[in-house]
Amino acid sequence: MAYVGGKRQRLIKDNLKRHIEEGLDTLGWFDAGRPHKTVRIIADQVEPSEEVTPNLIGVMIEDFSFEEMGMGQDWSLQENTINAFIEVFAENNAVGQHLTGDIYDLIRGKFTDIYDDTSFEVLDLGVDDSFLFRCDFEDFEVMKNRSWDLSFNKYWWTIAVDIIDTYRDDRD
C-alpha cells in the first residue's frame, strides 16, 4: 500500500499528535490529582473566536513545499516541508508556560529519556500500528498570542515547527 498524498499527510498530522500526547503522558500531564484542569489534545485546528475548555492543545499542519532531491534515474525523491502548528489554550499563565515549554522541548529532543532527537515515527495508526517512516523537526518557534477582547484566549501560545518528510512516489 502506498503512503502518498492526503493519506500520508493525515498520518503525519495524527502521528505528530500521538508523539506529543505520549511525551506529555510520560511527563505526567494526564495523571489524576494534578493541580490543573484536564489537558486534552486534538488533531485539528482550534477556532480562537469560540470559547474552549482550558488546557486544550490543537495540532494541525498547514502549508506544504517541496524540493526535488533525486538526480538522474532517481528523479522521484523529494523533501517535503510541512508547516505544523501546536496551539495551547491554557487555564492560566503558569500552566500555559509550563505546558508550552514541555511540548517545545519534547519535539526538540531535550527530554532525552523520552525522545532524544528531533524526529518522530509515523505509524500506520488504526490498522496495526506498524512503523512506516520517520519525519524530522526543524525551525522551532514559540509565540505568545494575545486576544484581550476574548478572556478565554488570554493564555494562548503557538508552537510553530517545520516537519521534513523525505520520500519517493507510490512505487516505493
C-alpha atoms as a PDB file:
ATOM      1  CA  MET A   1       0.000   0.000   0.000  1.00  0.00           C
ATOM      2  CA  ALA A   2       1.386   3.400  -0.970  1.00  0.00           C
ATOM      3  CA  TYR A   3       1.537   6.128   1.643  1.00  0.00           C
ATOM      4  CA  VAL A   4       1.418   9.234  -0.523  1.00  0.00           C
ATOM      5  CA  GLY A   5      -0.928  12.183  -0.981  1.00  0.00           C
ATOM      6  CA  GLY A   6      -3.581  13.059   1.568  1.00  0.00           C
ATOM      7  CA  LYS A   7      -3.246   9.744   3.385  1.00  0.00           C
ATOM      8  CA  ARG A   8       0.441  10.435   4.076  1.00  0.00           C
ATOM      9  CA  GLN A   9      -0.312  13.980   5.238  1.00  0.00           C
ATOM     10  CA  ARG A  10      -3.096  12.785   7.568  1.00  0.00           C
ATOM     11  CA  LEU A  11      -0.830  10.122   9.050  1.00  0.00           C
ATOM     12  CA  ILE A  12       1.898  12.703   9.653  1.00  0.00           C
ATOM     13  CA  LYS A  13      -0.546  15.003  11.489  1.00  0.00           C
ATOM     14  CA  ASP A  14      -2.093  12.179  13.530  1.00  0.00           C
ATOM     15  CA  ASN A  15       1.340  10.839  14.472  1.00  0.00           C
ATOM     16  CA  LEU A  16       2.551  14.308  15.456  1.00  0.00           C
ATOM     17  CA  LYS A  17      -0.395  14.422  17.864  1.00  0.00           C
ATOM     18  CA  ARG A  18       0.451  10.907  19.115  1.00  0.00           C
ATOM     19  CA  HIS A  19       4.114  11.897  19.610  1.00  0.00           C
ATOM     20  CA  ILE A  20       3.167  14.928  21.727  1.00  0.00           C
ATOM     21  CA  GLU A  21       0.495  13.022  23.660  1.00  0.00           C
ATOM     22  CA  GLU A  22       2.852  10.160  24.546  1.00  0.00           C
ATOM     23  CA  GLY A  23       5.540  12.611  25.663  1.00  0.00           C
ATOM     24  CA  LEU A  24       3.131  14.592  27.845  1.00  0.00           C
ATOM     25  CA  ASP A  25       1.770  11.356  29.291  1.00  0.00           C
ATOM     26  CA  THR A  26       5.297  10.285  30.261  1.00  0.00           C
ATOM     27  CA  LEU A  27       5.791  13.679  31.917  1.00  0.00           C
ATOM     28  CA  GLY A  28       2.614  13.087  33.961  1.00  0.00           C
ATOM     29  CA  TRP A  29       0.340  15.735  32.418  1.00  0.00           C
ATOM     30  CA  PHE A  30      -2.600  13.318  32.336  1.00  0.00           C
ATOM     31  CA  ASP A  31      -2.113  11.882  35.843  1.00  0.00           C
ATOM     32  CA  ALA A  32      -5.005  12.090  38.289  1.00  0.00           C
ATOM     33  CA  GLY A  33      -4.624  14.553  41.123  1.00  0.00           C
ATOM     34  CA  ARG A  34      -2.609  17.187  39.244  1.00  0.00           C
ATOM     35  CA  PRO A  35      -3.413  20.740  40.387  1.00  0.00           C
ATOM     36  CA  HIS A  36      -4.705  21.888  36.994  1.00  0.00           C
ATOM     37  CA  LYS A  37      -7.690  21.234  34.770  1.00  0.00           C
ATOM     38  CA  THR A  38      -7.633  18.248  32.418  1.00  0.00           C
ATOM     39  CA  VAL A  39      -5.309  18.518  29.410  1.00  0.00           C
ATOM     40  CA  ARG A  40      -6.810  17.444  26.067  1.00  0.00           C
ATOM     41  CA  ILE A  41      -5.169  17.141  22.652  1.00  0.00           C
ATOM     42  CA  ILE A  42      -6.985  17.189  19.332  1.00  0.00           C
ATOM     43  CA  ALA A  43      -5.605  16.697  15.815  1.00  0.00           C
ATOM     44  CA  ASP A  44      -7.443  19.706  14.492  1.00  0.00           C
ATOM     45  CA  GLN A  45      -7.403  23.468  14.394  1.00  0.00           C
ATOM     46  CA  VAL A  46      -8.915  25.270  17.360  1.00  0.00           C
ATOM     47  CA  GLU A  47     -11.220  28.137  16.442  1.00  0.00           C
ATOM     48  CA  PRO A  48      -9.830  31.051  18.502  1.00  0.00           C
ATOM     49  CA  SER A  49     -13.084  33.043  18.314  1.00  0.00           C
ATOM     50  CA  GLU A  50     -15.032  30.292  20.095  1.00  0.00           C
ATOM     51  CA  GLU A  51     -14.556  29.637  23.787  1.00  0.00           C
ATOM     52  CA  VAL A  52     -12.761  26.375  24.507  1.00  0.00           C
ATOM     53  CA  THR A  53     -12.174  24.344  27.615  1.00  0.00           C
ATOM     54  CA  PRO A  54      -8.861  25.450  29.159  1.00  0.00           C
ATOM     55  CA  ASN A  55      -5.790  23.278  28.628  1.00  0.00           C
ATOM     56  CA  LEU A  56      -6.789  22.313  25.104  1.00  0.00           C
ATOM     57  CA  ILE A  57      -3.994  21.615  22.627  1.00  0.00           C
ATOM     58  CA  GLY A  58      -4.702  21.705  18.895  1.00  0.00           C
ATOM     59  CA  VAL A  59      -2.279  20.054  16.469  1.00  0.00           C
ATOM     60  CA  MET A  60      -2.504  20.980  12.798  1.00  0.00           C
ATOM     61  CA  ILE A  61      -0.488  21.014   9.631  1.00  0.00           C
ATOM     62  CA  GLU A  62      -0.959  23.704   7.042  1.00  0.00           C
ATOM     63  CA  ASP A  63       1.375  24.768   4.242  1.00  0.00           C
ATOM     64  CA  PHE A  64       3.491  22.396   2.152  1.00  0.00           C
ATOM     65  CA  SER A  65       6.503  22.996  -0.035  1.00  0.00           C
ATOM     66  CA  PHE A  66       8.845  20.548  -1.684  1.00  0.00           C
ATOM     67  CA  GLU A  67      12.276  20.297  -3.149  1.00  0.00           C
ATOM     68  CA  GLU A  68      13.298  17.617  -5.583  1.00  0.00           C
ATOM     69  CA  MET A  69      16.250  15.693  -4.189  1.00  0.00           C
ATOM     70  CA  GLY A  70      16.790  12.992  -6.768  1.00  0.00           C
ATOM     71  CA  MET A  71      19.118  13.172  -9.730  1.00  0.00           C
ATOM     72  CA  GLY A  72      19.403  11.070 -12.843  1.00  0.00           C
ATOM     73  CA  GLN A  73      17.353   7.892 -12.575  1.00  0.00           C
ATOM     74  CA  ASP A  74      16.175   8.791  -9.038  1.00  0.00           C
ATOM     75  CA  TRP A  75      14.051  11.805 -10.017  1.00  0.00           C
ATOM     76  CA  SER A  76      11.145  10.877  -7.728  1.00  0.00           C
ATOM     77  CA  LEU A  77      12.944  11.588  -4.418  1.00  0.00           C
ATOM     78  CA  GLN A  78      11.516  14.703  -2.757  1.00  0.00           C
ATOM     79  CA  GLU A  79      11.886  16.523   0.530  1.00  0.00           C
ATOM     80  CA  ASN A  80       8.583  17.978   1.661  1.00  0.00           C
ATOM     81  CA  THR A  81       8.468  20.735   4.253  1.00  0.00           C
ATOM     82  CA  ILE A  82       5.208  20.832   6.179  1.00  0.00           C
ATOM     83  CA  ASN A  83       4.408  23.780   8.433  1.00  0.00           C
ATOM     84  CA  ALA A  84       2.898  22.477  11.668  1.00  0.00           C
ATOM     85  CA  PHE A  85       1.315  24.443  14.482  1.00  0.00           C
ATOM     86  CA  ILE A  86       0.633  23.303  18.038  1.00  0.00           C
ATOM     87  CA  GLU A  87      -1.700  25.680  19.832  1.00  0.00           C
ATOM     88  CA  VAL A  88      -2.012  25.684  23.602  1.00  0.00           C
ATOM     89  CA  PHE A  89      -5.063  27.319  25.217  1.00  0.00           C
ATOM     90  CA  ALA A  90      -4.223  27.197  28.920  1.00  0.00           C
ATOM     91  CA  GLU A  91      -6.110  27.915  32.122  1.00  0.00           C
ATOM     92  CA  ASN A  92      -3.526  30.404  33.373  1.00  0.00           C
ATOM     93  CA  ASN A  93      -0.083  31.801  32.645  1.00  0.00           C
ATOM     94  CA  ALA A  94       1.845  29.307  34.815  1.00  0.00           C
ATOM     95  CA  VAL A  95       0.187  26.217  33.295  1.00  0.00           C
ATOM     96  CA  GLY A  96       0.481  27.691  29.785  1.00  0.00           C
ATOM     97  CA  GLN A  97       4.192  28.425  30.121  1.00  0.00           C
ATOM     98  CA  HIS A  98       4.890  25.017  31.651  1.00  0.00           C
ATOM     99  CA  LEU A  99       2.834  23.045  29.125  1.00  0.00           C
ATOM    100  CA  THR A 100       4.159  25.011  26.142  1.00  0.00           C
ATOM    101  CA  GLY A 101       7.743  24.666  27.384  1.00  0.00           C
ATOM    102  CA  ASP A 102       7.337  20.909  27.821  1.00  0.00           C
ATOM    103  CA  ILE A 103       5.909  20.435  24.315  1.00  0.00           C
ATOM    104  CA  TYR A 104       8.623  22.668  22.843  1.00  0.00           C
ATOM    105  CA  ASP A 105      11.398  20.668  24.493  1.00  0.00           C
ATOM    106  CA  LEU A 106       9.740  17.308  23.706  1.00  0.00           C
ATOM    107  CA  ILE A 107       9.822  17.982  19.975  1.00  0.00           C
ATOM    108  CA  ARG A 108      13.378  19.350  20.221  1.00  0.00           C
ATOM    109  CA  GLY A 109      14.540  16.108  21.877  1.00  0.00           C
ATOM    110  CA  LYS A 110      15.560  17.791  25.145  1.00  0.00           C
ATOM    111  CA  PHE A 111      13.824  15.205  27.361  1.00  0.00           C
ATOM    112  CA  THR A 112      16.374  12.561  26.384  1.00  0.00           C
ATOM    113  CA  ASP A 113      14.734   9.812  28.465  1.00  0.00           C
ATOM    114  CA  ILE A 114      11.598  10.268  26.335  1.00  0.00           C
ATOM    115  CA  TYR A 115      12.806  11.473  22.911  1.00  0.00           C
ATOM    116  CA  ASP A 116      16.484  12.017  22.286  1.00  0.00           C
ATOM    117  CA  ASP A 117      16.350  13.515  18.805  1.00  0.00           C
ATOM    118  CA  THR A 118      14.332  15.900  16.671  1.00  0.00           C
ATOM    119  CA  SER A 119      12.279  13.363  14.746  1.00  0.00           C
ATOM    120  CA  PHE A 120       9.193  11.218  15.186  1.00  0.00           C
ATOM    121  CA  GLU A 121       7.931   7.897  13.928  1.00  0.00           C
ATOM    122  CA  VAL A 122       4.950   7.688  11.621  1.00  0.00           C
ATOM    123  CA  LEU A 123       2.945   4.547  12.336  1.00  0.00           C
ATOM    124  CA  ASP A 124       0.040   3.010  10.441  1.00  0.00           C
ATOM    125  CA  LEU A 125      -2.495   4.144  13.036  1.00  0.00           C
ATOM    126  CA  GLY A 126      -5.805   2.354  13.133  1.00  0.00           C
ATOM    127  CA  VAL A 127      -4.507  -0.667  11.239  1.00  0.00           C
ATOM    128  CA  ASP A 128      -1.679  -2.414  13.054  1.00  0.00           C
ATOM    129  CA  ASP A 129       0.454   0.486  14.338  1.00  0.00           C
ATOM    130  CA  SER A 130       3.362  -0.770  12.234  1.00  0.00           C
ATOM    131  CA  PHE A 131       6.279   1.562  11.577  1.00  0.00           C
ATOM    132  CA  LEU A 132       6.104   3.316   8.201  1.00  0.00           C
ATOM    133  CA  PHE A 133       8.751   6.070   8.153  1.00  0.00           C
ATOM    134  CA  ARG A 134      10.283   8.923  10.169  1.00  0.00           C
ATOM    135  CA  CYS A 135       9.896  12.669   9.842  1.00  0.00           C
ATOM    136  CA  ASP A 136      12.279  15.292  11.195  1.00  0.00           C
ATOM    137  CA  PHE A 137      11.553  18.554  13.004  1.00  0.00           C
ATOM    138  CA  GLU A 138      13.283  21.815  12.016  1.00  0.00           C
ATOM    139  CA  ASP A 139      12.928  25.541  12.696  1.00  0.00           C
ATOM    140  CA  PHE A 140      11.204  25.740  16.077  1.00  0.00           C
ATOM    141  CA  GLU A 141       9.417  28.847  17.323  1.00  0.00           C
ATOM    142  CA  VAL A 142       7.113  29.727  20.217  1.00  0.00           C
ATOM    143  CA  MET A 143       4.744  32.683  20.033  1.00  0.00           C
ATOM    144  CA  LYS A 144       2.535  34.106  22.771  1.00  0.00           C
ATOM    145  CA  ASN A 145      -0.723  35.200  21.189  1.00  0.00           C
ATOM    146  CA  ARG A 146      -2.930  37.859  22.652  1.00  0.00           C
ATOM    147  CA  SER A 147      -6.602  38.415  22.166  1.00  0.00           C
ATOM    148  CA  TRP A 148      -7.531  40.619  25.097  1.00  0.00           C
ATOM    149  CA  ASP A 149     -11.057  41.049  23.732  1.00  0.00           C
ATOM    150  CA  LEU A 150     -11.709  37.383  24.461  1.00  0.00           C
ATOM    151  CA  SER A 151     -10.793  36.472  28.031  1.00  0.00           C
ATOM    152  CA  PHE A 152     -10.566  32.763  27.204  1.00  0.00           C
ATOM    153  CA  ASN A 153      -7.675  33.491  24.804  1.00  0.00           C
ATOM    154  CA  LYS A 154      -5.573  35.320  27.367  1.00  0.00           C
ATOM    155  CA  TYR A 155      -3.277  32.284  27.845  1.00  0.00           C
ATOM    156  CA  TRP A 156      -2.773  31.167  24.253  1.00  0.00           C
ATOM    157  CA  TRP A 157       0.565  30.033  22.822  1.00  0.00           C
ATOM    158  CA  THR A 158       1.511  28.712  19.402  1.00  0.00           C
ATOM    159  CA  ILE A 159       4.466  26.447  18.731  1.00  0.00           C
ATOM    160  CA  ALA A 160       5.458  26.507  15.057  1.00  0.00           C
ATOM    161  CA  VAL A 161       7.703  23.815  13.636  1.00  0.00           C
ATOM    162  CA  ASP A 162       8.590  22.548  10.190  1.00  0.00           C
ATOM    163  CA  ILE A 163       8.228  18.833   9.554  1.00  0.00           C
ATOM    164  CA  ILE A 164      10.612  17.405   6.974  1.00  0.00           C
ATOM    165  CA  ASP A 165       9.309  14.366   5.098  1.00  0.00           C
ATOM    166  CA  THR A 166      11.633  12.784   2.537  1.00  0.00           C
ATOM    167  CA  TYR A 167      10.132  10.165   0.243  1.00  0.00           C
ATOM    168  CA  ARG A 168       9.708   8.978  -3.293  1.00  0.00           C
ATOM    169  CA  ASP A 169       6.431   8.168  -5.005  1.00  0.00           C
ATOM    170  CA  ASP A 170       3.871   5.368  -4.890  1.00  0.00           C
ATOM    171  CA  ARG A 171       6.272   2.890  -6.491  1.00  0.00           C
ATOM    172  CA  ASP A 172       8.260   2.576  -3.237  1.00  0.00           C
END
